[in-house]
Amino acid sequence: MTATTPPDGSSSAPPALSSPEVVTEALLALGRDPANPFTVAVEGDRIVATWVYQDARGMFGNSRSSYRLRITLLPETHEYKRSEINTERSVGTASGSYTFNSAKVVGPVKRTLAAHGWHRRRTALGKAIRSLFS
């Protein structure tokens, strides 16, 4: 089983519902994979994927930019809540260029959660809009 494959190893059947512990370990494995540009850690009741996409230091200052994707698992419904935070800190002037695309973090995390049978919790507005089109 890899981080994005379901526990039973099949890919055509609906995903088996994995426990929060199994899903957490699968997400932590994403952060250990050198193919991913981010790290993953458990912070309280959240699983946080962090990508530091700019870390420039120069003679006249430094600059650091990061993206954090926070996942809160809701075990009673096999749903998760997601929030995103971008931070930028700089002291003085530091130059550097960087490329950022949140899909490099969100994509692997979403695929892993889906492979383990978890889905994103719908907001009240999302539920209302969906009921209009059903």
N, C-alpha and C. Protein backbone atom coordinates (compact mmCIF):
# COMPACT_ATOMS: atom_id res chain seq x y z
N MET A 1 0.84 -1.18 0.00
CA MET A 1 0.00 0.00 0.00
C MET A 1 0.88 1.24 0.00
N THR A 2 0.63 2.16 -0.94
CA THR A 2 1.32 3.44 -0.93
C THR A 2 0.36 4.47 -0.35
N ALA A 3 0.83 5.70 -0.22
CA ALA A 3 0.00 6.74 0.40
C ALA A 3 -1.29 6.97 -0.36
N THR A 4 -1.27 6.82 -1.69
CA THR A 4 -2.46 7.13 -2.46
C THR A 4 -3.25 5.90 -2.89
N THR A 5 -2.84 4.71 -2.49
CA THR A 5 -3.64 3.53 -2.81
C THR A 5 -4.43 3.12 -1.58
N PRO A 6 -5.63 2.58 -1.80
CA PRO A 6 -6.44 2.18 -0.66
C PRO A 6 -5.83 0.99 0.06
N PRO A 7 -6.22 0.76 1.30
CA PRO A 7 -5.63 -0.30 2.10
C PRO A 7 -5.77 -1.69 1.49
N ASP A 8 -6.85 -1.96 0.71
CA ASP A 8 -7.02 -3.30 0.15
C ASP A 8 -6.27 -3.50 -1.16
N GLY A 9 -5.61 -2.44 -1.68
CA GLY A 9 -4.78 -2.53 -2.87
C GLY A 9 -5.53 -2.45 -4.18
N SER A 10 -6.86 -2.47 -4.18
CA SER A 10 -7.60 -2.39 -5.43
C SER A 10 -7.83 -0.94 -5.80
N SER A 11 -7.98 -0.72 -7.09
CA SER A 11 -8.21 0.66 -7.51
C SER A 11 -9.54 0.82 -8.23
N SER A 12 -10.21 -0.28 -8.64
CA SER A 12 -11.47 -0.17 -9.37
C SER A 12 -12.68 -0.14 -8.44
N ALA A 13 -12.59 -0.77 -7.30
CA ALA A 13 -13.70 -0.79 -6.34
C ALA A 13 -13.76 0.54 -5.60
N PRO A 14 -14.94 0.88 -5.03
CA PRO A 14 -14.99 2.09 -4.21
C PRO A 14 -13.97 1.98 -3.08
N PRO A 15 -13.37 3.10 -2.71
CA PRO A 15 -12.33 3.04 -1.68
C PRO A 15 -12.87 2.56 -0.33
N ALA A 16 -12.08 1.75 0.34
CA ALA A 16 -12.43 1.30 1.68
C ALA A 16 -12.24 2.47 2.64
N LEU A 17 -13.05 2.52 3.67
CA LEU A 17 -12.93 3.60 4.64
C LEU A 17 -11.81 3.27 5.62
N SER A 18 -10.76 4.05 5.57
CA SER A 18 -9.63 3.86 6.47
C SER A 18 -9.84 4.62 7.77
N SER A 19 -9.22 4.13 8.82
CA SER A 19 -9.30 4.81 10.11
C SER A 19 -8.53 6.12 10.07
N PRO A 20 -8.81 7.02 10.99
CA PRO A 20 -8.05 8.27 11.03
C PRO A 20 -6.54 8.02 11.19
N GLU A 21 -6.16 6.99 11.93
CA GLU A 21 -4.74 6.70 12.14
C GLU A 21 -4.07 6.28 10.83
N VAL A 22 -4.76 5.46 10.03
CA VAL A 22 -4.20 5.01 8.76
C VAL A 22 -4.07 6.18 7.79
N VAL A 23 -5.11 7.03 7.74
CA VAL A 23 -5.08 8.20 6.85
C VAL A 23 -3.97 9.16 7.29
N THR A 24 -3.84 9.38 8.58
CA THR A 24 -2.78 10.27 9.08
C THR A 24 -1.41 9.74 8.68
N GLU A 25 -1.18 8.45 8.82
CA GLU A 25 0.11 7.87 8.44
C GLU A 25 0.34 8.00 6.93
N ALA A 26 -0.71 7.82 6.13
CA ALA A 26 -0.57 7.97 4.68
C ALA A 26 -0.20 9.40 4.31
N LEU A 27 -0.80 10.38 4.98
CA LEU A 27 -0.47 11.79 4.72
C LEU A 27 0.94 12.12 5.18
N LEU A 28 1.35 11.58 6.32
CA LEU A 28 2.73 11.79 6.78
C LEU A 28 3.72 11.19 5.79
N ALA A 29 3.36 10.06 5.16
CA ALA A 29 4.23 9.44 4.15
C ALA A 29 4.41 10.35 2.94
N LEU A 30 3.37 11.13 2.60
CA LEU A 30 3.51 12.09 1.50
C LEU A 30 4.62 13.09 1.80
N GLY A 31 4.68 13.55 3.03
CA GLY A 31 5.71 14.53 3.42
C GLY A 31 7.11 13.95 3.41
N ARG A 32 7.23 12.63 3.56
CA ARG A 32 8.56 11.99 3.52
C ARG A 32 9.00 11.66 2.10
N ASP A 33 8.08 11.72 1.16
CA ASP A 33 8.39 11.38 -0.23
C ASP A 33 9.15 12.54 -0.88
N PRO A 34 10.39 12.31 -1.34
CA PRO A 34 11.18 13.40 -1.92
C PRO A 34 10.58 13.97 -3.21
N ALA A 35 9.62 13.28 -3.82
CA ALA A 35 8.98 13.79 -5.03
C ALA A 35 8.03 14.95 -4.72
N ASN A 36 7.64 15.11 -3.46
CA ASN A 36 6.73 16.19 -3.07
C ASN A 36 7.52 17.36 -2.50
N PRO A 37 7.11 18.60 -2.83
CA PRO A 37 7.85 19.78 -2.37
C PRO A 37 7.45 20.24 -0.97
N PHE A 38 6.77 19.42 -0.21
CA PHE A 38 6.25 19.85 1.08
C PHE A 38 6.54 18.82 2.17
N THR A 39 6.37 19.26 3.41
CA THR A 39 6.48 18.36 4.56
C THR A 39 5.10 18.26 5.20
N VAL A 40 4.90 17.21 5.98
CA VAL A 40 3.61 17.01 6.65
C VAL A 40 3.89 16.71 8.11
N ALA A 41 3.11 17.34 8.99
CA ALA A 41 3.25 17.12 10.43
C ALA A 41 1.88 17.16 11.08
N VAL A 42 1.78 16.57 12.25
CA VAL A 42 0.55 16.63 13.03
C VAL A 42 0.72 17.77 14.03
N GLU A 43 -0.24 18.69 14.03
CA GLU A 43 -0.22 19.83 14.95
C GLU A 43 -1.57 19.86 15.67
N GLY A 44 -1.58 19.35 16.89
CA GLY A 44 -2.83 19.26 17.64
C GLY A 44 -3.77 18.27 16.98
N ASP A 45 -4.98 18.73 16.61
CA ASP A 45 -5.94 17.85 15.95
C ASP A 45 -5.91 18.00 14.43
N ARG A 46 -4.90 18.68 13.91
CA ARG A 46 -4.80 18.92 12.47
C ARG A 46 -3.58 18.23 11.88
N ILE A 47 -3.70 17.91 10.60
CA ILE A 47 -2.57 17.44 9.82
C ILE A 47 -2.21 18.60 8.91
N VAL A 48 -0.96 19.04 8.94
CA VAL A 48 -0.57 20.25 8.23
C VAL A 48 0.53 19.94 7.22
N ALA A 49 0.24 20.25 5.95
CA ALA A 49 1.24 20.14 4.89
C ALA A 49 1.80 21.54 4.66
N THR A 50 3.12 21.68 4.75
CA THR A 50 3.76 22.99 4.62
C THR A 50 4.77 22.97 3.49
N TRP A 51 4.69 23.98 2.62
CA TRP A 51 5.64 24.12 1.53
C TRP A 51 6.28 25.50 1.66
N VAL A 52 7.57 25.54 1.92
CA VAL A 52 8.32 26.80 1.93
C VAL A 52 8.82 26.98 0.50
N TYR A 53 8.19 27.87 -0.24
CA TYR A 53 8.51 28.02 -1.66
C TYR A 53 9.42 29.19 -1.97
N GLN A 54 9.76 29.97 -0.97
CA GLN A 54 10.76 31.02 -1.15
C GLN A 54 11.49 31.19 0.16
N ASP A 55 12.79 31.12 0.10
CA ASP A 55 13.62 31.33 1.28
C ASP A 55 14.88 32.04 0.79
N ALA A 56 14.77 33.34 0.58
CA ALA A 56 15.86 34.12 -0.01
C ALA A 56 16.59 34.91 1.08
N ARG A 57 17.88 34.88 1.01
CA ARG A 57 18.72 35.66 1.93
C ARG A 57 19.71 36.47 1.11
N GLY A 58 19.86 37.71 1.51
CA GLY A 58 20.79 38.57 0.80
C GLY A 58 21.55 39.46 1.77
N MET A 59 22.38 40.32 1.22
CA MET A 59 23.17 41.21 2.06
C MET A 59 22.29 42.19 2.83
N PHE A 60 21.14 42.53 2.26
CA PHE A 60 20.33 43.58 2.85
C PHE A 60 19.05 43.08 3.51
N GLY A 61 18.89 41.77 3.65
CA GLY A 61 17.70 41.25 4.30
C GLY A 61 17.40 39.83 3.91
N ASN A 62 16.24 39.38 4.34
CA ASN A 62 15.81 38.03 3.97
C ASN A 62 14.31 38.01 3.80
N SER A 63 13.85 36.99 3.09
CA SER A 63 12.43 36.85 2.79
C SER A 63 12.07 35.37 2.83
N ARG A 64 10.92 35.08 3.38
CA ARG A 64 10.47 33.69 3.45
C ARG A 64 8.97 33.65 3.18
N SER A 65 8.56 32.79 2.25
CA SER A 65 7.15 32.63 1.91
C SER A 65 6.79 31.16 2.02
N SER A 66 5.62 30.90 2.57
CA SER A 66 5.20 29.51 2.72
C SER A 66 3.70 29.38 2.52
N TYR A 67 3.29 28.15 2.24
CA TYR A 67 1.90 27.79 2.06
C TYR A 67 1.62 26.64 3.00
N ARG A 68 0.53 26.72 3.74
CA ARG A 68 0.15 25.66 4.69
C ARG A 68 -1.27 25.20 4.38
N LEU A 69 -1.43 23.90 4.17
CA LEU A 69 -2.73 23.29 3.98
C LEU A 69 -3.04 22.52 5.25
N ARG A 70 -4.10 22.94 5.95
CA ARG A 70 -4.46 22.29 7.21
C ARG A 70 -5.68 21.40 7.00
N ILE A 71 -5.57 20.15 7.44
CA ILE A 71 -6.64 19.17 7.31
C ILE A 71 -7.09 18.76 8.70
N THR A 72 -8.39 18.82 8.95
CA THR A 72 -8.97 18.32 10.19
C THR A 72 -9.87 17.15 9.83
N LEU A 73 -9.55 15.97 10.34
CA LEU A 73 -10.36 14.78 10.07
C LEU A 73 -11.58 14.75 10.98
N LEU A 74 -12.73 14.39 10.43
CA LEU A 74 -13.98 14.25 11.18
C LEU A 74 -14.37 12.77 11.12
N PRO A 75 -13.84 11.95 12.06
CA PRO A 75 -13.99 10.50 11.98
C PRO A 75 -15.42 9.98 11.97
N GLU A 76 -16.34 10.69 12.63
CA GLU A 76 -17.70 10.18 12.70
C GLU A 76 -18.39 10.13 11.34
N THR A 77 -17.95 10.95 10.38
CA THR A 77 -18.58 10.98 9.05
C THR A 77 -17.60 10.65 7.92
N HIS A 78 -16.34 10.39 8.24
CA HIS A 78 -15.28 10.18 7.24
C HIS A 78 -15.19 11.38 6.28
N GLU A 79 -15.32 12.57 6.85
CA GLU A 79 -15.16 13.82 6.11
C GLU A 79 -13.95 14.54 6.69
N TYR A 80 -13.49 15.56 5.94
CA TYR A 80 -12.41 16.40 6.45
C TYR A 80 -12.70 17.86 6.13
N LYS A 81 -12.18 18.74 6.97
CA LYS A 81 -12.25 20.18 6.73
C LYS A 81 -10.87 20.61 6.28
N ARG A 82 -10.83 21.62 5.42
CA ARG A 82 -9.57 22.09 4.88
C ARG A 82 -9.48 23.60 5.00
N SER A 83 -8.31 24.10 5.37
CA SER A 83 -8.06 25.54 5.35
C SER A 83 -6.65 25.77 4.83
N GLU A 84 -6.46 26.93 4.24
CA GLU A 84 -5.18 27.25 3.62
C GLU A 84 -4.65 28.57 4.16
N ILE A 85 -3.34 28.63 4.34
CA ILE A 85 -2.71 29.85 4.84
C ILE A 85 -1.46 30.13 4.02
N ASN A 86 -1.35 31.34 3.50
CA ASN A 86 -0.13 31.80 2.84
C ASN A 86 0.53 32.80 3.77
N THR A 87 1.82 32.66 3.99
CA THR A 87 2.52 33.63 4.83
C THR A 87 3.74 34.16 4.09
N GLU A 88 4.00 35.42 4.30
CA GLU A 88 5.19 36.05 3.74
C GLU A 88 5.82 36.90 4.83
N ARG A 89 7.09 36.69 5.06
CA ARG A 89 7.83 37.49 6.02
C ARG A 89 9.09 38.01 5.36
N SER A 90 9.39 39.27 5.59
CA SER A 90 10.64 39.79 5.05
C SER A 90 11.21 40.84 5.99
N VAL A 91 12.51 40.89 6.01
CA VAL A 91 13.25 41.88 6.78
C VAL A 91 14.21 42.53 5.81
N GLY A 92 14.12 43.83 5.67
CA GLY A 92 14.97 44.52 4.70
C GLY A 92 14.54 44.16 3.29
N THR A 93 15.50 44.13 2.39
CA THR A 93 15.22 43.75 1.01
C THR A 93 16.05 42.54 0.63
N ALA A 94 15.37 41.56 0.15
CA ALA A 94 16.04 40.35 -0.35
C ALA A 94 15.44 40.05 -1.71
N SER A 95 16.28 39.66 -2.63
CA SER A 95 15.77 39.37 -3.96
C SER A 95 15.80 37.87 -4.20
N GLY A 96 14.98 37.46 -5.10
CA GLY A 96 14.91 36.05 -5.47
C GLY A 96 13.64 35.82 -6.25
N SER A 97 13.62 34.77 -7.01
CA SER A 97 12.41 34.46 -7.76
C SER A 97 11.91 33.10 -7.32
N TYR A 98 10.62 32.90 -7.46
CA TYR A 98 10.03 31.63 -7.05
C TYR A 98 8.79 31.37 -7.88
N THR A 99 8.40 30.12 -7.95
CA THR A 99 7.18 29.70 -8.62
C THR A 99 6.33 28.97 -7.59
N PHE A 100 5.07 29.33 -7.56
CA PHE A 100 4.19 28.72 -6.57
C PHE A 100 2.91 28.25 -7.24
N ASN A 101 2.49 27.02 -6.91
CA ASN A 101 1.23 26.47 -7.38
C ASN A 101 0.70 25.58 -6.27
N SER A 102 -0.40 25.98 -5.63
CA SER A 102 -0.92 25.22 -4.49
C SER A 102 -1.35 23.81 -4.89
N ALA A 103 -1.59 23.56 -6.17
CA ALA A 103 -1.99 22.22 -6.62
C ALA A 103 -0.90 21.19 -6.34
N LYS A 104 0.34 21.63 -6.21
CA LYS A 104 1.43 20.69 -5.89
C LYS A 104 1.30 20.14 -4.47
N VAL A 105 0.52 20.81 -3.63
CA VAL A 105 0.25 20.33 -2.28
C VAL A 105 -1.16 19.73 -2.22
N VAL A 106 -2.14 20.47 -2.70
CA VAL A 106 -3.54 20.07 -2.60
C VAL A 106 -3.80 18.76 -3.37
N GLY A 107 -3.26 18.62 -4.56
CA GLY A 107 -3.51 17.44 -5.39
C GLY A 107 -3.14 16.13 -4.70
N PRO A 108 -1.89 15.96 -4.27
CA PRO A 108 -1.53 14.70 -3.60
C PRO A 108 -2.31 14.46 -2.31
N VAL A 109 -2.60 15.51 -1.56
CA VAL A 109 -3.35 15.35 -0.31
C VAL A 109 -4.78 14.89 -0.60
N LYS A 110 -5.45 15.54 -1.58
CA LYS A 110 -6.81 15.16 -1.94
C LYS A 110 -6.87 13.73 -2.46
N ARG A 111 -5.92 13.35 -3.32
CA ARG A 111 -5.91 11.99 -3.86
C ARG A 111 -5.74 10.95 -2.76
N THR A 112 -4.87 11.25 -1.80
CA THR A 112 -4.65 10.32 -0.70
C THR A 112 -5.89 10.18 0.16
N LEU A 113 -6.52 11.29 0.50
CA LEU A 113 -7.75 11.23 1.29
C LEU A 113 -8.85 10.46 0.56
N ALA A 114 -9.01 10.72 -0.73
CA ALA A 114 -10.03 10.02 -1.52
C ALA A 114 -9.73 8.53 -1.62
N ALA A 115 -8.46 8.17 -1.78
CA ALA A 115 -8.09 6.76 -1.89
C ALA A 115 -8.41 5.99 -0.61
N HIS A 116 -8.51 6.70 0.49
CA HIS A 116 -8.82 6.07 1.78
C HIS A 116 -10.28 6.24 2.17
N GLY A 117 -11.12 6.73 1.23
CA GLY A 117 -12.55 6.82 1.46
C GLY A 117 -13.03 8.08 2.16
N TRP A 118 -12.18 9.08 2.31
CA TRP A 118 -12.55 10.32 2.98
C TRP A 118 -12.93 11.37 1.94
N HIS A 119 -13.91 12.22 2.26
CA HIS A 119 -14.30 13.28 1.35
C HIS A 119 -14.42 14.60 2.11
N ARG A 120 -14.34 15.68 1.34
CA ARG A 120 -14.38 17.01 1.95
C ARG A 120 -15.78 17.34 2.45
N ARG A 121 -15.82 17.92 3.63
CA ARG A 121 -17.10 18.33 4.22
C ARG A 121 -17.67 19.49 3.42
N ARG A 122 -18.92 19.37 3.10
CA ARG A 122 -19.58 20.45 2.36
C ARG A 122 -20.04 21.53 3.33
N THR A 123 -19.92 22.76 2.90
CA THR A 123 -20.40 23.87 3.72
C THR A 123 -21.92 23.99 3.54
N ALA A 124 -22.56 24.76 4.39
CA ALA A 124 -24.01 24.96 4.28
C ALA A 124 -24.36 25.58 2.92
N LEU A 125 -23.55 26.53 2.45
CA LEU A 125 -23.80 27.16 1.16
C LEU A 125 -23.66 26.13 0.04
N GLY A 126 -22.62 25.30 0.11
CA GLY A 126 -22.42 24.26 -0.90
C GLY A 126 -23.57 23.27 -0.94
N LYS A 127 -24.06 22.89 0.23
CA LYS A 127 -25.20 21.97 0.30
C LYS A 127 -26.44 22.60 -0.32
N ALA A 128 -26.68 23.88 -0.04
CA ALA A 128 -27.85 24.59 -0.58
C ALA A 128 -27.78 24.67 -2.11
N ILE A 129 -26.62 25.03 -2.63
CA ILE A 129 -26.47 25.14 -4.08
C ILE A 129 -26.64 23.78 -4.73
N ARG A 130 -26.07 22.74 -4.13
CA ARG A 130 -26.20 21.39 -4.70
C ARG A 130 -27.65 20.94 -4.71
N SER A 131 -28.42 21.29 -3.67
CA SER A 131 -29.84 20.87 -3.63
C SER A 131 -30.65 21.57 -4.72
N LEU A 132 -30.24 22.76 -5.15
CA LEU A 132 -30.93 23.45 -6.22
C LEU A 132 -30.79 22.72 -7.56
N PHE A 133 -29.66 22.05 -7.76
CA PHE A 133 -29.39 21.39 -9.03
C PHE A 133 -29.63 19.89 -8.98
N SER A 134 -30.18 19.36 -7.90
CA SER A 134 -30.43 17.91 -7.84
C SER A 134 -31.86 17.59 -8.15
